[in-house]
Amino acid sequence: MGCTVFDPAGDRLGKVRDVLVVYRRNDPPRVVGLIVEIPGRRRVFVSIGRVTSISGGQIITTGLINVRRFEQRGGEVRVVAELFGRTVDFTDGSGEATIEDVSIEEHGPGEWAVAQLFVRRPKTSSSPFAKGATVFASWGDVRERTAAGQAQSAEQLIATFSELKPADLATTLLDLPAQRRLEVAEELPDDRLADVLEEMPESEQVEILARLDDDRAADVLDQMQPDDAADLIAQLSEERGEQLLELMQPEEADDVRMLLAYAPDTAGGLMTTEPIIVSADATVAEGLALIRRHELAPALGAAICVTLPPYEPPTGRFLGMVHFQRMLRYPPHERLGTILDQGLEPVTATTSAAVVARILASYNLVSVPVVDDNHRLVGVVTIDDVLDYLLPDDWRSSDSDDGAPAPERTPARALSGALRTPTRGRRTGHGS
């Protein structure tokens, strides 16, 4: 997993994200191909017959790769997504273990199969730091548990994907079978799940949230950006949406309620209510310290809003913005109120999304402030908000038909994406 795939000329094609196998009656599972991530985060299938070499941490192929999005067929099993974390019993009666890794081996030209399993036995000590012993086992040494309704552990899979960015983890989860996707989502920490939900299409967001109890769902919504939380709640029934709002932290719920009051195709419907807001007396040094925070989205860190008190939306009168680059040109003690961008006019909450998009494009901006009728700052619209509004509904999970040949494993499929219509849920979150 993670190995780079090259064509015969040495050009990089992508990275391996999983291995696809099929079970056989008496022999170890046979490898049918690799799931490879190519530029654009698209997952494609590469038949194992196209692989000419697996060695030295790299994979060489014939260069013939179908770029249509991978779709799993019945009977196919993903090693990383589905085998990792499964519980197996040793056939000699010595107990159980959990699969942590799998090796594959070539038995003939283009013929690969599962060779060994790396498994961990249950721990024998009560110490929280203790771990069970690890052993190698052949496929014939173990048998999988197939008890009805038994859910396989998702912990190993989560650990495998721990370093992925939220957008990449969301793409990975969307590629999993539906039941496995829900199992993994349930095991993710609240903040991690919030980041991932912000990067998913609306239908999958609702599906996962429906699986969570109300208390857990409210905790996850608390961790989301208010605009993304509002988009998600807008897709729920009015009754459940109100229940979750009542369970959320009051401050977070108030922000979400405010956003739900705006039409989705306006600046108010696109904005986030958590920009950096300071007084005119704040210094350049203080401003730079605020945008240096790790959890801050790059688009929100590109500029600081200056207002009169109070400094929570809706604020006192909006005075202006100071861009990051402008702060770098002044000494640390300079007051931000003296270096405001006088040429940037805010938009109102009722300004159409199309106008906001033109403003960002015309003036090469990353964000634009949004004010109410009393010229109080209520939020900012960032470039990622607008991009998500303009992109097709299925941009996160599918690709348009680009004329590539039909997949090797399945008949040709017609892939299409419709242009977005005015609904909530158009924006990515702070992982963008």
Protein backbone atom coordinates (compact mmCIF):
# COMPACT_ATOMS: atom_id res chain seq x y z
CA MET A 1 0.00 0.00 0.00
CA GLY A 2 1.40 3.37 -1.03
CA CYS A 3 3.88 1.94 -3.53
CA THR A 4 4.28 4.03 -6.67
CA VAL A 5 3.12 2.55 -9.99
CA PHE A 6 5.16 3.30 -13.12
CA ASP A 7 4.74 2.60 -16.82
CA PRO A 8 7.57 0.96 -18.84
CA ALA A 9 9.03 4.41 -19.68
CA GLY A 10 9.40 5.24 -15.99
CA ASP A 11 6.54 7.75 -15.86
CA ARG A 12 4.59 7.79 -12.60
CA LEU A 13 0.99 6.60 -12.97
CA GLY A 14 -0.23 6.63 -9.36
CA LYS A 15 -0.06 4.85 -6.02
CA VAL A 16 -1.45 1.52 -4.81
CA ARG A 17 -4.30 1.93 -2.33
CA ASP A 18 -5.48 -1.68 -2.05
CA VAL A 19 -5.24 -5.18 -3.47
CA LEU A 20 -8.29 -7.00 -4.82
CA VAL A 21 -8.63 -10.76 -4.28
CA VAL A 22 -11.25 -13.47 -4.84
CA TYR A 23 -11.70 -16.50 -2.60
CA ARG A 24 -11.22 -20.04 -3.86
CA ARG A 25 -12.63 -23.26 -2.41
CA ASN A 26 -9.41 -25.01 -1.39
CA ASP A 27 -6.59 -22.61 -2.29
CA PRO A 28 -5.57 -19.24 -0.85
CA PRO A 29 -7.37 -16.18 -2.33
CA ARG A 30 -6.23 -15.24 -5.82
CA VAL A 31 -5.17 -11.68 -6.61
CA VAL A 32 -7.15 -10.20 -9.48
CA GLY A 33 -5.69 -6.69 -9.49
CA LEU A 34 -4.67 -3.52 -7.72
CA ILE A 35 -6.71 -0.46 -6.81
CA VAL A 36 -4.54 2.48 -7.87
CA GLU A 37 -5.07 6.16 -7.11
CA ILE A 38 -4.18 8.28 -10.14
CA PRO A 39 -3.97 12.11 -10.27
CA GLY A 40 -7.28 13.71 -9.34
CA ARG A 41 -7.77 11.22 -6.47
CA ARG A 42 -9.53 8.84 -8.83
CA ARG A 43 -9.34 5.14 -7.92
CA VAL A 44 -8.95 2.81 -10.90
CA PHE A 45 -8.57 -0.94 -11.34
CA VAL A 46 -5.30 -2.35 -12.70
CA SER A 47 -5.48 -6.02 -13.63
CA ILE A 48 -2.69 -8.07 -12.08
CA GLY A 49 -1.99 -9.29 -15.60
CA ARG A 50 -0.86 -5.75 -16.49
CA VAL A 51 1.78 -5.83 -13.74
CA THR A 52 5.22 -6.84 -14.95
CA SER A 53 7.21 -6.29 -11.74
CA ILE A 54 6.65 -5.78 -8.00
CA SER A 55 9.98 -5.12 -6.32
CA GLY A 56 12.08 -2.49 -4.62
CA GLY A 57 9.05 -0.59 -3.34
CA GLN A 58 7.76 0.11 -6.83
CA ILE A 59 5.42 -1.51 -9.33
CA ILE A 60 5.95 -1.60 -13.10
CA THR A 61 3.00 -2.10 -15.45
CA THR A 62 2.54 -2.48 -19.16
CA GLY A 63 1.30 1.13 -19.17
CA LEU A 64 -2.20 0.16 -20.32
CA ILE A 65 -4.53 1.42 -17.59
CA ASN A 66 -8.24 2.00 -17.88
CA VAL A 67 -8.96 5.32 -16.16
CA ARG A 68 -12.62 4.71 -15.41
CA ARG A 69 -13.47 4.82 -11.73
CA PHE A 70 -13.12 1.51 -9.90
CA GLU A 71 -16.31 -0.33 -8.97
CA GLN A 72 -16.21 -3.47 -6.85
CA ARG A 73 -17.95 -6.58 -8.11
CA GLY A 74 -19.64 -9.25 -6.06
CA GLY A 75 -17.20 -11.87 -4.78
CA GLU A 76 -14.24 -9.49 -4.78
CA VAL A 77 -12.60 -8.65 -1.46
CA ARG A 78 -10.30 -5.71 -0.70
CA VAL A 79 -7.34 -6.72 1.43
CA VAL A 80 -6.78 -3.41 3.24
CA ALA A 81 -10.40 -2.33 3.47
CA GLU A 82 -11.97 -5.68 4.33
CA LEU A 83 -9.38 -8.25 5.47
CA PHE A 84 -7.42 -6.06 7.88
CA GLY A 85 -8.95 -6.32 11.35
CA ARG A 86 -10.80 -9.56 10.73
CA THR A 87 -10.80 -12.20 13.47
CA VAL A 88 -9.62 -15.68 12.52
CA ASP A 89 -9.33 -18.98 14.43
CA PHE A 90 -6.30 -21.27 14.14
CA THR A 91 -7.28 -24.62 12.71
CA ASP A 92 -5.10 -26.43 15.28
CA GLY A 93 -7.32 -25.13 18.07
CA SER A 94 -4.67 -22.84 19.56
CA GLY A 95 -6.98 -19.85 19.72
CA GLU A 96 -7.90 -16.76 17.74
CA ALA A 97 -6.03 -13.81 16.23
CA THR A 98 -6.62 -10.60 14.25
CA ILE A 99 -5.25 -10.03 10.75
CA GLU A 100 -2.86 -7.05 10.67
CA ASP A 101 -1.11 -7.58 7.34
CA VAL A 102 -1.17 -9.81 4.27
CA SER A 103 1.55 -10.85 1.85
CA ILE A 104 1.02 -11.92 -1.75
CA GLU A 105 3.29 -14.11 -3.85
CA GLU A 106 3.70 -14.85 -7.54
CA HIS A 107 3.19 -18.51 -8.48
CA GLY A 108 3.51 -18.08 -12.23
CA PRO A 109 3.52 -15.31 -14.85
CA GLY A 110 0.74 -12.96 -13.81
CA GLU A 111 -0.54 -15.40 -11.18
CA TRP A 112 -0.49 -13.94 -7.66
CA ALA A 113 -2.15 -15.25 -4.50
CA VAL A 114 -2.21 -14.60 -0.77
CA ALA A 115 0.89 -16.24 0.72
CA GLN A 116 1.01 -15.40 4.42
CA LEU A 117 -0.94 -13.57 7.07
CA PHE A 118 0.61 -11.49 9.82
CA VAL A 119 -1.74 -11.88 12.79
CA ARG A 120 -1.86 -10.79 16.43
CA ARG A 121 -3.12 -13.01 19.22
CA PRO A 122 -5.18 -11.55 22.09
CA LYS A 123 -3.12 -9.95 24.85
CA THR A 124 -2.55 -12.02 27.98
CA SER A 125 -1.81 -9.15 30.38
CA SER A 126 -4.27 -6.70 31.89
CA SER A 127 -1.83 -3.83 31.39
CA PRO A 128 -3.26 -1.15 29.02
CA PHE A 129 0.16 -1.03 27.31
CA ALA A 130 0.38 -4.77 26.67
CA LYS A 131 -0.12 -6.25 23.22
CA GLY A 132 -0.72 -9.77 22.07
CA ALA A 133 2.00 -11.83 20.41
CA THR A 134 2.32 -11.62 16.62
CA VAL A 135 2.87 -14.64 14.38
CA PHE A 136 2.96 -15.51 10.70
CA ALA A 137 0.38 -17.97 9.41
CA SER A 138 -0.47 -19.47 6.07
CA TRP A 139 -4.01 -19.22 4.75
CA GLY A 140 -4.60 -22.88 5.50
CA ASP A 141 -3.58 -22.43 9.15
CA VAL A 142 -6.61 -20.27 9.94
CA ARG A 143 -10.28 -19.98 9.18
CA GLU A 144 -12.35 -16.83 9.20
CA ARG A 145 -15.23 -16.36 11.55
CA THR A 146 -18.53 -16.12 9.72
CA ALA A 147 -20.96 -15.77 12.61
CA ALA A 148 -24.15 -14.09 11.45
CA GLY A 149 -24.23 -10.40 12.19
CA GLN A 150 -20.66 -10.27 13.46
CA ALA A 151 -19.01 -6.98 12.55
CA GLN A 152 -15.30 -7.07 11.87
CA SER A 153 -13.11 -4.65 13.81
CA ALA A 154 -12.47 -1.36 12.01
CA GLU A 155 -9.59 -0.33 14.29
CA GLN A 156 -6.84 -1.73 12.08
CA LEU A 157 -8.25 -0.04 8.99
CA ILE A 158 -8.48 3.30 10.81
CA ALA A 159 -4.87 2.98 11.95
CA THR A 160 -3.83 2.26 8.36
CA PHE A 161 -5.47 5.46 7.14
CA SER A 162 -4.46 7.62 10.11
CA GLU A 163 -2.12 9.83 8.06
CA LEU A 164 -4.57 10.56 5.25
CA LYS A 165 -5.91 14.07 4.82
CA PRO A 166 -9.67 14.41 5.42
CA ALA A 167 -10.45 14.71 1.70
CA ASP A 168 -8.40 11.59 0.91
CA LEU A 169 -9.93 9.63 3.79
CA ALA A 170 -13.40 10.63 2.58
CA THR A 171 -12.56 9.34 -0.89
CA THR A 172 -11.26 6.10 0.63
CA LEU A 173 -14.42 5.59 2.68
CA LEU A 174 -16.61 6.24 -0.34
CA ASP A 175 -14.83 3.38 -2.10
CA LEU A 176 -15.65 0.92 0.71
CA PRO A 177 -18.73 -1.29 0.71
CA ALA A 178 -21.61 0.52 2.42
CA GLN A 179 -21.63 -1.62 5.58
CA ARG A 180 -17.87 -1.39 6.01
CA ARG A 181 -18.00 2.38 5.48
CA LEU A 182 -20.52 2.74 8.31
CA GLU A 183 -18.45 0.54 10.63
CA VAL A 184 -15.34 2.65 10.07
CA ALA A 185 -17.29 5.89 10.49
CA GLU A 186 -18.61 4.72 13.86
CA GLU A 187 -15.07 4.05 15.09
CA LEU A 188 -13.59 7.41 14.02
CA PRO A 189 -13.10 10.11 16.70
CA ASP A 190 -15.66 12.93 16.60
CA ASP A 191 -13.29 15.56 15.18
CA ARG A 192 -11.91 13.18 12.53
CA LEU A 193 -15.40 12.10 11.48
CA ALA A 194 -16.48 15.74 11.29
CA ASP A 195 -13.59 16.54 8.94
CA VAL A 196 -14.45 13.54 6.76
CA LEU A 197 -18.17 14.33 6.58
CA GLU A 198 -17.36 17.83 5.34
CA GLU A 199 -15.69 16.22 2.32
CA MET A 200 -18.51 13.79 1.44
CA PRO A 201 -21.57 14.11 -0.81
CA GLU A 202 -24.84 14.86 0.94
CA SER A 203 -26.37 11.41 0.57
CA GLU A 204 -23.43 9.69 2.30
CA GLN A 205 -23.38 12.37 5.00
CA VAL A 206 -27.03 11.70 5.82
CA GLU A 207 -26.52 7.92 5.68
CA ILE A 208 -23.67 8.04 8.21
CA LEU A 209 -25.37 10.53 10.51
CA ALA A 210 -28.50 8.35 10.53
CA ARG A 211 -26.37 5.50 11.90
CA LEU A 212 -25.24 7.55 14.91
CA ASP A 213 -27.31 8.08 18.03
CA ASP A 214 -28.45 11.66 18.66
CA ASP A 215 -25.81 12.48 21.29
CA ARG A 216 -22.93 11.29 19.08
CA ALA A 217 -24.39 13.00 16.02
CA ALA A 218 -24.66 16.30 17.92
CA ASP A 219 -21.04 15.99 19.11
CA VAL A 220 -19.88 15.47 15.52
CA LEU A 221 -21.93 18.45 14.29
CA ASP A 222 -20.31 20.57 17.02
CA GLN A 223 -16.92 19.73 15.51
CA MET A 224 -17.93 20.66 11.95
CA GLN A 225 -17.64 24.09 10.40
CA PRO A 226 -21.01 25.84 11.01
CA ASP A 227 -21.75 26.19 7.30
CA ASP A 228 -21.16 22.47 6.69
CA ALA A 229 -23.20 21.54 9.76
CA ALA A 230 -26.05 23.74 8.46
CA ASP A 231 -25.87 22.05 5.06
CA LEU A 232 -26.12 18.62 6.66
CA ILE A 233 -28.95 19.49 9.04
CA ALA A 234 -30.88 20.98 6.11
CA GLN A 235 -30.94 17.50 4.53
CA LEU A 236 -32.54 15.90 7.60
CA SER A 237 -36.17 15.84 8.59
CA GLU A 238 -37.27 18.97 10.43
CA GLU A 239 -37.91 16.94 13.59
CA ARG A 240 -34.48 15.31 13.75
CA GLY A 241 -32.72 18.50 12.74
CA GLU A 242 -34.32 20.35 15.63
CA GLN A 243 -33.46 17.51 18.04
CA LEU A 244 -29.79 17.69 17.07
CA LEU A 245 -29.72 21.48 17.32
CA GLU A 246 -31.08 21.21 20.88
CA LEU A 247 -28.29 18.77 21.79
CA MET A 248 -25.48 20.84 20.24
CA GLN A 249 -23.44 23.38 22.15
CA PRO A 250 -25.56 26.58 22.33
CA GLU A 251 -22.98 28.77 20.57
CA GLU A 252 -22.52 26.28 17.74
CA ALA A 253 -26.27 25.77 17.40
CA ASP A 254 -26.87 29.53 17.21
CA ASP A 255 -24.41 29.83 14.31
CA VAL A 256 -26.09 26.97 12.48
CA ARG A 257 -29.57 28.40 13.00
CA MET A 258 -28.43 31.73 11.61
CA LEU A 259 -27.03 30.07 8.48
CA LEU A 260 -30.18 28.03 7.96
CA ALA A 261 -32.14 31.28 7.75
CA TYR A 262 -30.39 32.31 4.51
CA ALA A 263 -31.18 31.04 1.03
CA PRO A 264 -28.53 28.50 -0.07
CA ASP A 265 -27.62 30.42 -3.25
CA THR A 266 -26.75 33.65 -1.43
CA ALA A 267 -23.65 34.91 0.34
CA GLY A 268 -25.36 34.17 3.64
CA GLY A 269 -25.94 30.57 2.59
CA LEU A 270 -22.32 30.13 1.45
CA MET A 271 -20.47 31.89 4.26
CA THR A 272 -18.73 30.56 7.32
CA THR A 273 -19.30 32.34 10.63
CA GLU A 274 -15.82 31.72 12.05
CA PRO A 275 -13.40 34.19 10.43
CA ILE A 276 -10.58 35.79 12.43
CA ILE A 277 -11.98 39.01 13.97
CA VAL A 278 -9.93 41.57 15.90
CA SER A 279 -10.10 45.19 17.01
CA ALA A 280 -8.43 48.07 15.18
CA ASP A 281 -5.88 48.30 18.00
CA ALA A 282 -4.58 44.76 17.45
CA THR A 283 -1.02 44.67 16.11
CA VAL A 284 0.55 42.94 13.15
CA ALA A 285 2.30 40.56 15.57
CA GLU A 286 -1.03 39.58 17.12
CA GLY A 287 -2.59 39.09 13.72
CA LEU A 288 0.21 36.83 12.50
CA ALA A 289 -0.06 34.77 15.68
CA LEU A 290 -3.77 34.20 15.05
CA ILE A 291 -3.36 33.01 11.46
CA ARG A 292 -0.54 30.71 12.50
CA ARG A 293 -2.93 28.35 14.29
CA HIS A 294 -2.69 24.82 12.95
CA GLU A 295 -6.43 24.15 12.87
CA LEU A 296 -7.21 27.26 10.81
CA ALA A 297 -8.22 26.73 7.18
CA PRO A 298 -5.77 28.35 4.71
CA ALA A 299 -8.56 30.37 3.09
CA LEU A 300 -9.61 31.81 6.46
CA GLY A 301 -5.99 32.58 7.34
CA ALA A 302 -5.48 34.68 4.22
CA ALA A 303 -7.06 37.78 5.80
CA ILE A 304 -8.18 39.20 9.15
CA CYS A 305 -11.43 41.08 9.72
CA VAL A 306 -11.35 44.28 11.78
CA THR A 307 -14.54 45.45 13.51
CA LEU A 308 -15.84 47.41 16.45
CA PRO A 309 -16.88 45.37 19.49
CA PRO A 310 -18.35 42.83 19.97
CA TYR A 311 -16.01 40.51 18.08
CA GLU A 312 -18.36 37.56 17.52
CA PRO A 313 -20.76 37.57 14.54
CA PRO A 314 -22.83 39.62 14.29
CA THR A 315 -20.08 41.99 15.35
CA GLY A 316 -19.96 45.72 15.82
CA ARG A 317 -19.56 47.83 12.69
CA PHE A 318 -17.26 46.24 10.11
CA LEU A 319 -14.18 48.40 9.47
CA GLY A 320 -12.26 46.41 6.87
CA MET A 321 -9.89 43.52 6.19
CA VAL A 322 -6.13 43.15 6.37
CA HIS A 323 -4.57 40.60 4.04
CA PHE A 324 -1.80 38.29 5.16
CA GLN A 325 0.72 39.60 2.64
CA ARG A 326 0.04 43.19 3.69
CA MET A 327 0.83 42.33 7.31
CA LEU A 328 4.21 40.97 6.24
CA ARG A 329 5.17 44.40 4.86
CA TYR A 330 4.77 46.21 8.19
CA PRO A 331 6.62 46.05 11.52
CA PRO A 332 5.19 43.83 14.30
CA HIS A 333 3.98 46.79 16.38
CA GLU A 334 1.91 48.38 13.57
CA ARG A 335 -1.80 48.58 14.39
CA LEU A 336 -4.07 46.70 11.98
CA GLY A 337 -6.55 49.59 11.91
CA THR A 338 -4.00 51.68 10.01
CA ILE A 339 -3.37 49.20 7.19
CA LEU A 340 -6.90 48.18 6.20
CA ASP A 341 -7.65 47.34 2.57
CA GLN A 342 -9.75 50.37 1.68
CA GLY A 343 -10.61 49.07 -1.79
CA LEU A 344 -12.45 45.91 -0.70
CA GLU A 345 -16.20 46.36 -0.31
CA PRO A 346 -18.14 43.75 1.67
CA VAL A 347 -21.20 42.01 0.25
CA THR A 348 -24.54 41.67 1.98
CA ALA A 349 -25.94 38.35 3.16
CA THR A 350 -28.55 38.44 0.37
CA THR A 351 -26.00 38.93 -2.44
CA SER A 352 -26.33 36.11 -4.98
CA ALA A 353 -23.70 33.39 -5.16
CA ALA A 354 -23.03 34.30 -8.80
CA VAL A 355 -22.12 37.87 -7.84
CA VAL A 356 -19.86 36.64 -5.03
CA ALA A 357 -18.07 34.34 -7.49
CA ARG A 358 -17.50 37.23 -9.91
CA ILE A 359 -16.11 39.42 -7.14
CA LEU A 360 -13.62 36.75 -6.05
CA ALA A 361 -12.54 36.15 -9.64
CA SER A 362 -12.38 39.82 -10.67
CA TYR A 363 -10.23 40.95 -7.76
CA ASN A 364 -8.21 37.73 -7.28
CA LEU A 365 -9.50 37.30 -3.74
CA VAL A 366 -9.45 34.26 -1.47
CA SER A 367 -12.32 35.51 0.69
CA VAL A 368 -14.89 38.30 0.83
CA PRO A 369 -16.59 39.66 3.99
CA VAL A 370 -20.37 39.47 4.45
CA VAL A 371 -22.30 42.13 6.38
CA ASP A 372 -25.92 42.63 7.41
CA ASP A 373 -28.11 45.69 6.82
CA ASN A 374 -26.46 47.46 9.78
CA HIS A 375 -22.97 46.88 8.34
CA ARG A 376 -22.15 44.33 11.02
CA LEU A 377 -19.90 41.43 10.02
CA VAL A 378 -21.79 38.12 9.96
CA GLY A 379 -19.23 35.93 8.17
CA VAL A 380 -16.97 35.51 5.16
CA VAL A 381 -17.32 33.57 1.93
CA THR A 382 -14.11 31.77 0.99
CA ILE A 383 -13.01 30.53 -2.42
CA ASP A 384 -13.56 26.87 -1.49
CA ASP A 385 -17.19 27.69 -0.56
CA VAL A 386 -17.76 29.09 -4.05
CA LEU A 387 -15.92 26.28 -5.84
CA ASP A 388 -18.03 23.67 -4.13
CA TYR A 389 -21.15 25.61 -5.07
CA LEU A 390 -20.13 25.71 -8.75
CA LEU A 391 -18.93 22.10 -9.11
CA PRO A 392 -21.31 19.26 -10.04
CA ASP A 393 -23.08 17.39 -7.22
CA ASP A 394 -21.00 14.23 -7.64
CA TRP A 395 -17.53 15.82 -7.99
CA ARG A 396 -16.27 14.06 -4.85
CA SER A 397 -17.23 10.55 -5.87
CA SER A 398 -17.41 10.20 -9.66
CA ASP A 399 -15.83 11.31 -12.89
CA SER A 400 -17.35 12.22 -16.20
CA ASP A 401 -17.04 9.84 -19.12
CA ASP A 402 -13.86 10.90 -20.87
CA GLY A 403 -14.02 8.45 -23.71
CA ALA A 404 -11.76 5.87 -22.09
CA PRO A 405 -12.20 2.24 -23.14
CA ALA A 406 -14.56 0.05 -21.16
CA PRO A 407 -13.26 -1.52 -17.93
CA GLU A 408 -11.55 -4.89 -18.25
CA ARG A 409 -13.75 -6.49 -15.60
CA THR A 410 -17.19 -5.14 -16.43
CA PRO A 411 -19.23 -3.97 -19.42
CA ALA A 412 -19.01 -0.32 -20.33
CA ARG A 413 -20.92 1.96 -18.03
CA ALA A 414 -22.32 5.39 -18.77
CA LEU A 415 -20.96 7.83 -16.21
CA SER A 416 -22.58 11.22 -16.00
CA GLY A 417 -22.82 14.19 -13.66
CA ALA A 418 -25.53 16.81 -13.59
CA LEU A 419 -24.86 20.46 -12.99
CA ARG A 420 -25.73 21.49 -9.48
CA THR A 421 -29.12 22.90 -8.69
CA PRO A 422 -29.71 25.28 -5.77
CA THR A 423 -29.61 23.00 -2.70
CA ARG A 424 -27.65 23.15 0.49
CA GLY A 425 -24.47 21.15 0.89
CA ARG A 426 -22.26 22.74 -1.75
CA ARG A 427 -19.12 23.41 0.15
CA THR A 428 -16.06 21.70 1.48
CA GLY A 429 -14.87 22.34 4.98
CA HIS A 430 -11.59 23.33 6.56
CA GLY A 431 -9.85 20.29 5.07
CA SER A 432 -10.13 21.74 1.56
